[in-house]
Amino acid sequence: MIICERCGTENLNGSRYCDECGAALWLAGKSGGLSLPGAKSNGSDGNGGKNASAIVAQSAGKANSPVISEQQTSAPLAESGNKAHATLVIERGNSAGKQFPLSNQEANIGRWDADGGVFPDVDLDSDDPEAKVSRRHARISLRDDQYLIEDLGSTNGTFVNRGHRLAPGDRQPLKDGDEIIVGKTFLRFRVAK
């Protein structure tokens, strides 16, 4: 079984995406997975038969669970350069305070759709009960130390600091502390210090 790092759901071996939340299972889905030096996957590894990728996935985001550092594994936990350089934080509603770390040069904002093959980096599906966020809503890009946001042709629009609705494809600069509204979801953009 492959344990989803985002929601903790058990998925069948070989799955590319989580059945529950749609998150990519890239690291956990690789054959052989991550292994601790000397660990075996036949149940005699002292971990109840769980391999290191399942342990890492289960401990992700849990405050009191053991953390496995990159030095303890025979393979890196993430590709180099995947440290979060910025974060989006939901400001209002039931999900207020929920954070989405941005670690790639581009981050798509939207709602996941497994059938349509849409798996955004910032998945607001569970945080958007009225479905006001489009599947492919907006994109934040980092180019030459400048953050830009663009609307991807969303139905309900993208707004920065309560200004005019962004025209699809037009890029607007973003700075630390800017408010972004996608549909009816209010987000705060924070640059990592």
C-alpha atoms as a PDB file:
ATOM      1  CA  MET A   1       0.000   0.000   0.000  1.00  0.00           C
ATOM      2  CA  ILE A   2       1.081   3.588  -0.643  1.00  0.00           C
ATOM      3  CA  ILE A   3       0.191   6.134   2.022  1.00  0.00           C
ATOM      4  CA  CYS A   4      -0.714   9.609   0.716  1.00  0.00           C
ATOM      5  CA  GLU A   5       1.538  12.293   2.206  1.00  0.00           C
ATOM      6  CA  ARG A   6      -1.274  14.873   2.086  1.00  0.00           C
ATOM      7  CA  CYS A   7      -4.248  13.070   3.653  1.00  0.00           C
ATOM      8  CA  GLY A   8      -2.872   9.741   4.936  1.00  0.00           C
ATOM      9  CA  THR A   9      -5.159   7.568   2.780  1.00  0.00           C
ATOM     10  CA  GLU A  10      -3.908   4.093   1.854  1.00  0.00           C
ATOM     11  CA  ASN A  11      -3.745   3.604  -1.930  1.00  0.00           C
ATOM     12  CA  LEU A  12      -2.993   0.503  -3.983  1.00  0.00           C
ATOM     13  CA  ASN A  13       0.639  -0.078  -4.985  1.00  0.00           C
ATOM     14  CA  GLY A  14       1.342   1.464  -8.371  1.00  0.00           C
ATOM     15  CA  SER A  15      -1.188   4.292  -7.901  1.00  0.00           C
ATOM     16  CA  ARG A  16      -0.021   7.621  -9.325  1.00  0.00           C
ATOM     17  CA  TYR A  17      -2.623   9.753  -7.536  1.00  0.00           C
ATOM     18  CA  CYS A  18      -4.402   9.477  -4.193  1.00  0.00           C
ATOM     19  CA  ASP A  19      -7.913   8.035  -4.467  1.00  0.00           C
ATOM     20  CA  GLU A  20      -9.162  10.371  -1.709  1.00  0.00           C
ATOM     21  CA  CYS A  21      -7.561  13.788  -2.353  1.00  0.00           C
ATOM     22  CA  GLY A  22      -5.950  13.423  -5.800  1.00  0.00           C
ATOM     23  CA  ALA A  23      -2.438  14.324  -4.621  1.00  0.00           C
ATOM     24  CA  ALA A  24       0.439  13.011  -6.722  1.00  0.00           C
ATOM     25  CA  LEU A  25       2.093   9.962  -5.175  1.00  0.00           C
ATOM     26  CA  TRP A  26       5.417  10.479  -7.002  1.00  0.00           C
ATOM     27  CA  LEU A  27       7.867   9.580  -4.247  1.00  0.00           C
ATOM     28  CA  ALA A  28       5.738   6.955  -2.557  1.00  0.00           C
ATOM     29  CA  GLY A  29       4.746   5.478  -5.933  1.00  0.00           C
ATOM     30  CA  LYS A  30       8.278   4.804  -7.161  1.00  0.00           C
ATOM     31  CA  SER A  31       9.150   1.124  -7.207  1.00  0.00           C
ATOM     32  CA  GLY A  32      11.175   0.222  -4.180  1.00  0.00           C
ATOM     33  CA  GLY A  33      10.212   3.467  -2.455  1.00  0.00           C
ATOM     34  CA  LEU A  34      12.493   4.995   0.139  1.00  0.00           C
ATOM     35  CA  SER A  35      14.366   2.710   2.431  1.00  0.00           C
ATOM     36  CA  LEU A  36      16.290   3.180   5.610  1.00  0.00           C
ATOM     37  CA  PRO A  37      19.787   1.726   5.647  1.00  0.00           C
ATOM     38  CA  GLY A  38      19.434  -1.890   6.723  1.00  0.00           C
ATOM     39  CA  ALA A  39      15.621  -1.803   6.552  1.00  0.00           C
ATOM     40  CA  LYS A  40      13.732  -4.676   4.974  1.00  0.00           C
ATOM     41  CA  SER A  41      10.215  -4.670   3.608  1.00  0.00           C
ATOM     42  CA  ASN A  42       9.324  -8.211   4.645  1.00  0.00           C
ATOM     43  CA  GLY A  43       7.978  -7.201   8.029  1.00  0.00           C
ATOM     44  CA  SER A  44      11.229  -7.810   9.932  1.00  0.00           C
ATOM     45  CA  ASP A  45      12.307  -4.178   9.716  1.00  0.00           C
ATOM     46  CA  GLY A  46      11.050  -3.256  13.168  1.00  0.00           C
ATOM     47  CA  ASN A  47       8.390  -1.027  11.652  1.00  0.00           C
ATOM     48  CA  GLY A  48       5.570  -3.536  11.475  1.00  0.00           C
ATOM     49  CA  GLY A  49       6.275  -4.248   7.815  1.00  0.00           C
ATOM     50  CA  LYS A  50       5.994  -0.602   6.758  1.00  0.00           C
ATOM     51  CA  ASN A  51       8.690   0.695   4.461  1.00  0.00           C
ATOM     52  CA  ALA A  52      10.330   4.099   4.996  1.00  0.00           C
ATOM     53  CA  SER A  53       8.119   5.815   2.416  1.00  0.00           C
ATOM     54  CA  ALA A  54       5.031   4.803   4.381  1.00  0.00           C
ATOM     55  CA  ILE A  55       6.611   6.038   7.622  1.00  0.00           C
ATOM     56  CA  VAL A  56       7.598   9.361   6.049  1.00  0.00           C
ATOM     57  CA  ALA A  57       4.155   9.740   4.475  1.00  0.00           C
ATOM     58  CA  GLN A  58       2.390   8.964   7.735  1.00  0.00           C
ATOM     59  CA  SER A  59       4.570  11.379   9.711  1.00  0.00           C
ATOM     60  CA  ALA A  60       4.208  14.252   7.235  1.00  0.00           C
ATOM     61  CA  GLY A  61       2.375  17.086   8.888  1.00  0.00           C
ATOM     62  CA  LYS A  62       1.856  15.315  12.227  1.00  0.00           C
ATOM     63  CA  ALA A  63       3.327  17.168  15.173  1.00  0.00           C
ATOM     64  CA  ASN A  64       4.195  14.255  17.488  1.00  0.00           C
ATOM     65  CA  SER A  65       5.321  11.684  14.962  1.00  0.00           C
ATOM     66  CA  PRO A  66       8.990  10.871  14.332  1.00  0.00           C
ATOM     67  CA  VAL A  67      10.600  12.666  11.432  1.00  0.00           C
ATOM     68  CA  ILE A  68      13.043  10.942   9.134  1.00  0.00           C
ATOM     69  CA  SER A  69      15.729  13.306   7.896  1.00  0.00           C
ATOM     70  CA  GLU A  70      17.367  13.095   4.484  1.00  0.00           C
ATOM     71  CA  GLN A  71      20.606  11.952   6.141  1.00  0.00           C
ATOM     72  CA  GLN A  72      18.802   8.881   7.524  1.00  0.00           C
ATOM     73  CA  THR A  73      17.530   7.659   4.163  1.00  0.00           C
ATOM     74  CA  SER A  74      19.350   6.147   1.223  1.00  0.00           C
ATOM     75  CA  ALA A  75      17.383   8.362  -1.188  1.00  0.00           C
ATOM     76  CA  PRO A  76      16.454  12.041  -0.867  1.00  0.00           C
ATOM     77  CA  LEU A  77      12.938  12.781   0.386  1.00  0.00           C
ATOM     78  CA  ALA A  78      12.425  15.483  -2.232  1.00  0.00           C
ATOM     79  CA  GLU A  79      14.175  16.648  -5.338  1.00  0.00           C
ATOM     80  CA  SER A  80      16.733  19.392  -4.776  1.00  0.00           C
ATOM     81  CA  GLY A  81      15.354  22.911  -4.866  1.00  0.00           C
ATOM     82  CA  ASN A  82      11.926  21.934  -3.504  1.00  0.00           C
ATOM     83  CA  LYS A  83      12.156  24.127  -0.412  1.00  0.00           C
ATOM     84  CA  ALA A  84       9.118  26.394  -0.149  1.00  0.00           C
ATOM     85  CA  HIS A  85       9.948  29.916  -1.296  1.00  0.00           C
ATOM     86  CA  ALA A  86       6.451  31.285  -0.662  1.00  0.00           C
ATOM     87  CA  THR A  87       3.151  30.282   0.936  1.00  0.00           C
ATOM     88  CA  LEU A  88      -0.535  30.917   0.296  1.00  0.00           C
ATOM     89  CA  VAL A  89      -2.684  31.047   3.439  1.00  0.00           C
ATOM     90  CA  ILE A  90      -6.493  30.844   3.453  1.00  0.00           C
ATOM     91  CA  GLU A  91      -7.791  33.900   5.316  1.00  0.00           C
ATOM     92  CA  ARG A  92     -11.521  33.232   5.849  1.00  0.00           C
ATOM     93  CA  GLY A  93     -14.043  30.462   6.390  1.00  0.00           C
ATOM     94  CA  ASN A  94     -13.767  26.986   7.856  1.00  0.00           C
ATOM     95  CA  SER A  95     -10.274  26.500   6.394  1.00  0.00           C
ATOM     96  CA  ALA A  96      -8.817  29.793   7.678  1.00  0.00           C
ATOM     97  CA  GLY A  97      -5.132  29.342   8.436  1.00  0.00           C
ATOM     98  CA  LYS A  98      -4.629  26.435   6.030  1.00  0.00           C
ATOM     99  CA  GLN A  99      -1.309  26.871   4.227  1.00  0.00           C
ATOM    100  CA  PHE A 100      -0.122  25.883   0.775  1.00  0.00           C
ATOM    101  CA  PRO A 101       3.684  25.995   0.425  1.00  0.00           C
ATOM    102  CA  LEU A 102       4.955  26.961  -3.038  1.00  0.00           C
ATOM    103  CA  SER A 103       8.218  25.240  -3.957  1.00  0.00           C
ATOM    104  CA  ASN A 104       8.234  25.166  -7.771  1.00  0.00           C
ATOM    105  CA  GLN A 105       8.779  27.993 -10.270  1.00  0.00           C
ATOM    106  CA  GLU A 106       5.077  27.790 -11.177  1.00  0.00           C
ATOM    107  CA  ALA A 107       2.119  26.889  -8.973  1.00  0.00           C
ATOM    108  CA  ASN A 108      -1.348  26.321 -10.385  1.00  0.00           C
ATOM    109  CA  ILE A 109      -4.355  27.227  -8.252  1.00  0.00           C
ATOM    110  CA  GLY A 110      -7.628  25.372  -8.766  1.00  0.00           C
ATOM    111  CA  ARG A 111      -9.703  22.337  -7.849  1.00  0.00           C
ATOM    112  CA  TRP A 112      -8.593  18.791  -8.615  1.00  0.00           C
ATOM    113  CA  ASP A 113     -10.428  16.668 -11.139  1.00  0.00           C
ATOM    114  CA  ALA A 114      -9.046  13.132 -11.496  1.00  0.00           C
ATOM    115  CA  ASP A 115     -11.233  12.362 -14.522  1.00  0.00           C
ATOM    116  CA  GLY A 116     -10.089  15.518 -16.309  1.00  0.00           C
ATOM    117  CA  GLY A 117      -6.447  15.106 -15.273  1.00  0.00           C
ATOM    118  CA  VAL A 118      -6.370  18.362 -13.297  1.00  0.00           C
ATOM    119  CA  PHE A 119      -4.112  18.227 -10.228  1.00  0.00           C
ATOM    120  CA  PRO A 120      -3.303  21.803  -9.141  1.00  0.00           C
ATOM    121  CA  ASP A 121      -0.431  22.599  -6.793  1.00  0.00           C
ATOM    122  CA  VAL A 122      -2.829  24.663  -4.662  1.00  0.00           C
ATOM    123  CA  ASP A 123      -5.898  22.411  -4.510  1.00  0.00           C
ATOM    124  CA  LEU A 124      -8.867  24.331  -3.086  1.00  0.00           C
ATOM    125  CA  ASP A 125     -11.429  21.585  -3.775  1.00  0.00           C
ATOM    126  CA  SER A 126     -12.146  20.808  -0.115  1.00  0.00           C
ATOM    127  CA  ASP A 127     -11.959  24.509   0.837  1.00  0.00           C
ATOM    128  CA  ASP A 128     -14.433  25.747  -1.790  1.00  0.00           C
ATOM    129  CA  PRO A 129     -17.852  24.255  -0.952  1.00  0.00           C
ATOM    130  CA  GLU A 130     -19.692  26.471  -3.469  1.00  0.00           C
ATOM    131  CA  ALA A 131     -17.314  25.501  -6.321  1.00  0.00           C
ATOM    132  CA  LYS A 132     -16.516  29.134  -7.152  1.00  0.00           C
ATOM    133  CA  VAL A 133     -12.872  28.271  -7.895  1.00  0.00           C
ATOM    134  CA  SER A 134     -12.362  26.953 -11.428  1.00  0.00           C
ATOM    135  CA  ARG A 135     -10.524  23.678 -12.032  1.00  0.00           C
ATOM    136  CA  ARG A 136      -7.713  25.683 -13.671  1.00  0.00           C
ATOM    137  CA  HIS A 137      -8.154  29.061 -12.021  1.00  0.00           C
ATOM    138  CA  ALA A 138      -4.841  30.952 -11.715  1.00  0.00           C
ATOM    139  CA  ARG A 139      -1.068  30.515 -11.771  1.00  0.00           C
ATOM    140  CA  ILE A 140       1.683  32.063  -9.653  1.00  0.00           C
ATOM    141  CA  SER A 141       5.110  32.179 -11.318  1.00  0.00           C
ATOM    142  CA  LEU A 142       8.543  33.085 -10.008  1.00  0.00           C
ATOM    143  CA  ARG A 143      10.744  34.691 -12.691  1.00  0.00           C
ATOM    144  CA  ASP A 144      13.986  36.538 -11.949  1.00  0.00           C
ATOM    145  CA  ASP A 145      13.072  36.974  -8.251  1.00  0.00           C
ATOM    146  CA  GLN A 146       9.705  38.495  -9.235  1.00  0.00           C
ATOM    147  CA  TYR A 147       6.395  36.829  -8.410  1.00  0.00           C
ATOM    148  CA  LEU A 148       3.609  37.129 -10.972  1.00  0.00           C
ATOM    149  CA  ILE A 149       0.001  35.964 -10.906  1.00  0.00           C
ATOM    150  CA  GLU A 150      -2.219  35.377 -13.908  1.00  0.00           C
ATOM    151  CA  ASP A 151      -5.805  34.277 -14.321  1.00  0.00           C
ATOM    152  CA  LEU A 152      -6.199  31.164 -16.496  1.00  0.00           C
ATOM    153  CA  GLY A 153      -9.640  32.060 -17.850  1.00  0.00           C
ATOM    154  CA  SER A 154     -11.534  31.330 -14.645  1.00  0.00           C
ATOM    155  CA  THR A 155     -15.299  31.725 -14.406  1.00  0.00           C
ATOM    156  CA  ASN A 156     -15.396  33.867 -11.252  1.00  0.00           C
ATOM    157  CA  GLY A 157     -12.159  35.791 -11.605  1.00  0.00           C
ATOM    158  CA  THR A 158      -8.916  36.512  -9.810  1.00  0.00           C
ATOM    159  CA  PHE A 159      -8.355  39.719  -7.843  1.00  0.00           C
ATOM    160  CA  VAL A 160      -5.238  41.129  -6.154  1.00  0.00           C
ATOM    161  CA  ASN A 161      -5.690  43.525  -3.227  1.00  0.00           C
ATOM    162  CA  ARG A 162      -9.346  43.967  -4.188  1.00  0.00           C
ATOM    163  CA  GLY A 163      -8.379  45.698  -7.416  1.00  0.00           C
ATOM    164  CA  HIS A 164      -9.810  45.106 -10.861  1.00  0.00           C
ATOM    165  CA  ARG A 165     -10.463  41.570 -12.075  1.00  0.00           C
ATOM    166  CA  LEU A 166      -7.387  40.216 -13.848  1.00  0.00           C
ATOM    167  CA  ALA A 167      -7.857  39.627 -17.548  1.00  0.00           C
ATOM    168  CA  PRO A 168      -7.021  36.036 -18.560  1.00  0.00           C
ATOM    169  CA  GLY A 169      -3.343  35.753 -19.440  1.00  0.00           C
ATOM    170  CA  ASP A 170      -2.361  39.168 -18.042  1.00  0.00           C
ATOM    171  CA  ARG A 171       0.348  38.846 -15.413  1.00  0.00           C
ATOM    172  CA  GLN A 172       0.334  41.074 -12.355  1.00  0.00           C
ATOM    173  CA  PRO A 173       3.273  41.401  -9.955  1.00  0.00           C
ATOM    174  CA  LEU A 174       2.817  40.000  -6.439  1.00  0.00           C
ATOM    175  CA  LYS A 175       4.587  41.072  -3.278  1.00  0.00           C
ATOM    176  CA  ASP A 176       4.688  39.746   0.264  1.00  0.00           C
ATOM    177  CA  GLY A 177       1.387  40.320   2.076  1.00  0.00           C
ATOM    178  CA  ASP A 178      -0.790  40.730  -1.018  1.00  0.00           C
ATOM    179  CA  GLU A 179      -4.364  39.484  -0.801  1.00  0.00           C
ATOM    180  CA  ILE A 180      -5.506  37.192  -3.610  1.00  0.00           C
ATOM    181  CA  ILE A 181      -9.168  36.382  -4.156  1.00  0.00           C
ATOM    182  CA  VAL A 182     -10.003  33.378  -6.349  1.00  0.00           C
ATOM    183  CA  GLY A 183     -13.736  32.827  -6.664  1.00  0.00           C
ATOM    184  CA  LYS A 184     -14.875  33.374  -3.077  1.00  0.00           C
ATOM    185  CA  THR A 185     -11.650  32.140  -1.472  1.00  0.00           C
ATOM    186  CA  PHE A 186      -9.446  34.761   0.199  1.00  0.00           C
ATOM    187  CA  LEU A 187      -5.728  33.951   0.247  1.00  0.00           C
ATOM    188  CA  ARG A 188      -2.728  35.822   1.693  1.00  0.00           C
ATOM    189  CA  PHE A 189       0.543  35.588  -0.254  1.00  0.00           C
ATOM    190  CA  ARG A 190       3.657  35.277   1.941  1.00  0.00           C
ATOM    191  CA  VAL A 191       7.247  35.147   0.745  1.00  0.00           C
ATOM    192  CA  ALA A 192       9.545  32.907   2.810  1.00  0.00           C
ATOM    193  CA  LYS A 193      12.175  34.862   4.702  1.00  0.00           C
END
